[in-house]
Amino acid sequence: MRSKNKGDPSLMCVIIDEIKMKEIADRNDIKVLVDTFYEKVKSDTLIGPVFAHVDWPHHLPIMYNFWSSMMLGEQSYQGNPFQKHVTLPLKATHFDQWLKLLPKRLMKILRVNELMK
C-alpha cells in the first residue's frame, strides 16, 4: 500500500484501490456523484478559482469517463489526469480541500477517513 500522508497526491491511487464498487452500480451513479462533487468544486473559495477557466460542459463527460474507468472498469477514459493538472497552481491544501468536498456517499465508498489516519 502507498503512503497515507495527508495531502500526499499518491493518496489518490490508494483511494482508487480502496473503492467498494458494490455501491456504484452503473454510469448513472457515476454521473450523479461527479455532478454533485464538481458543483461543490466550482463554488469552493479555495479550489474554485483554480478551475475557473474550465469549460464544464466539455469537461464533465471526461470526468464521467475517468470515474467510470476507475470504478466500473469501463476503460472509457484515455488520458493522464496528473499531466493535465501539473501546470495548475495546486498545493497540498488544494488536495486536502478536494477530499473534503467529496460527496458523503463517495467518502463512505472510498473509506477516506480510514485512509487519512
Protein backbone atom coordinates (compact mmCIF):
# COMPACT_ATOMS: atom_id res chain seq x y z
CA MET A 1 0.00 0.00 0.00
CA ARG A 2 1.21 3.51 -0.76
CA SER A 3 1.73 6.44 1.58
CA LYS A 4 -1.28 7.60 3.56
CA ASN A 5 0.13 11.03 4.40
CA LYS A 6 -2.48 13.76 4.40
CA GLY A 7 -2.10 15.93 1.30
CA ASP A 8 0.00 13.34 -0.50
CA PRO A 9 -1.08 13.21 -4.19
CA SER A 10 -0.30 9.49 -4.24
CA LEU A 11 -3.26 9.11 -1.88
CA MET A 12 -5.46 9.27 -4.99
CA CYS A 13 -4.06 5.91 -6.09
CA VAL A 14 -4.72 4.47 -2.65
CA ILE A 15 -8.26 5.85 -2.68
CA ILE A 16 -8.98 4.26 -6.03
CA ASP A 17 -7.51 0.96 -4.78
CA GLU A 18 -9.85 1.07 -1.77
CA ILE A 19 -13.12 1.63 -3.66
CA LYS A 20 -16.02 -0.60 -2.77
CA MET A 21 -17.70 -0.83 -6.17
CA LYS A 22 -20.83 -2.64 -4.98
CA GLU A 23 -22.40 0.72 -4.04
CA ILE A 24 -21.78 2.19 -7.51
CA ALA A 25 -23.98 0.21 -9.85
CA ASP A 26 -23.65 1.99 -13.17
CA ARG A 27 -22.58 5.05 -15.13
CA ASN A 28 -25.65 6.99 -13.97
CA ASP A 29 -24.43 6.63 -10.37
CA ILE A 30 -21.06 7.99 -11.50
CA LYS A 31 -22.74 10.94 -13.24
CA VAL A 32 -24.69 11.86 -10.10
CA LEU A 33 -21.57 11.69 -7.92
CA VAL A 34 -19.43 13.66 -10.39
CA ASP A 35 -22.07 16.36 -10.89
CA THR A 36 -22.56 16.73 -7.13
CA PHE A 37 -18.85 16.92 -6.50
CA TYR A 38 -18.00 19.42 -9.23
CA GLU A 39 -20.82 21.75 -8.20
CA LYS A 40 -19.04 21.96 -4.85
CA VAL A 41 -15.66 22.44 -6.55
CA LYS A 42 -16.93 25.30 -8.72
CA SER A 43 -18.27 27.23 -5.71
CA ASP A 44 -15.40 26.48 -3.32
CA THR A 45 -13.34 29.54 -2.37
CA LEU A 46 -10.02 27.66 -2.42
CA ILE A 47 -10.37 25.26 -5.34
CA GLY A 48 -12.97 27.08 -7.45
CA PRO A 49 -10.66 29.85 -8.68
CA VAL A 50 -8.03 27.32 -9.81
CA PHE A 51 -10.60 25.74 -12.11
CA ALA A 52 -12.45 28.90 -13.16
CA HIS A 53 -11.09 28.52 -16.71
CA VAL A 54 -12.65 25.07 -17.19
CA ASP A 55 -15.29 24.59 -19.87
CA TRP A 56 -17.53 22.45 -17.64
CA PRO A 57 -19.94 21.18 -20.34
CA HIS A 58 -16.88 19.82 -22.17
CA HIS A 59 -15.01 18.65 -19.06
CA LEU A 60 -17.75 16.79 -17.17
CA PRO A 61 -18.14 13.99 -19.75
CA ILE A 62 -14.37 13.46 -19.46
CA MET A 63 -14.79 13.15 -15.68
CA TYR A 64 -17.64 10.67 -16.17
CA ASN A 65 -15.27 8.59 -18.30
CA PHE A 66 -12.43 8.88 -15.78
CA TRP A 67 -14.51 7.80 -12.78
CA SER A 68 -16.35 5.12 -14.79
CA SER A 69 -12.98 3.72 -15.79
CA MET A 70 -11.68 3.81 -12.22
CA MET A 71 -14.79 2.48 -10.51
CA LEU A 72 -16.57 0.37 -13.11
CA GLY A 73 -13.64 -0.82 -15.22
CA GLU A 74 -15.12 0.72 -18.38
CA GLN A 75 -11.79 1.86 -19.80
CA SER A 76 -13.62 4.81 -21.37
CA TYR A 77 -11.02 7.33 -20.15
CA GLN A 78 -7.93 7.72 -22.30
CA GLY A 79 -5.73 10.34 -20.70
CA ASN A 80 -3.31 11.29 -17.95
CA PRO A 81 -5.05 13.26 -15.19
CA PHE A 82 -1.81 14.11 -13.40
CA GLN A 83 -0.29 15.57 -16.56
CA LYS A 84 -3.39 17.72 -17.05
CA HIS A 85 -3.08 19.16 -13.52
CA VAL A 86 0.70 19.58 -13.26
CA THR A 87 0.68 23.13 -14.68
CA LEU A 88 -2.06 24.32 -12.33
CA PRO A 89 -1.13 26.22 -9.15
CA LEU A 90 -2.08 23.33 -6.85
CA LYS A 91 -0.67 22.67 -3.41
CA ALA A 92 -1.33 20.05 -0.73
CA THR A 93 -4.01 22.32 0.74
CA HIS A 94 -5.94 22.10 -2.53
CA PHE A 95 -5.82 18.30 -2.44
CA ASP A 96 -6.94 18.30 1.21
CA GLN A 97 -9.87 20.52 0.26
CA TRP A 98 -10.66 18.28 -2.73
CA LEU A 99 -11.01 15.36 -0.32
CA LYS A 100 -13.26 17.38 1.99
CA LEU A 101 -15.62 18.20 -0.89
CA LEU A 102 -16.19 14.61 -1.97
CA PRO A 103 -19.86 13.64 -1.59
CA LYS A 104 -20.52 11.78 1.66
CA ARG A 105 -21.72 8.73 -0.29
CA LEU A 106 -18.43 8.62 -2.17
CA MET A 107 -16.46 9.22 1.03
CA LYS A 108 -18.09 6.11 2.50
CA ILE A 109 -17.31 4.08 -0.59
CA LEU A 110 -13.71 5.26 -0.64
CA ARG A 111 -13.29 4.98 3.14
CA VAL A 112 -11.26 8.22 3.03
CA ASN A 113 -11.47 8.78 6.76
CA GLU A 114 -9.70 5.48 7.39
CA LEU A 115 -7.05 6.33 4.80
CA MET A 116 -6.37 9.76 6.32
CA LYS A 117 -5.40 8.34 9.76
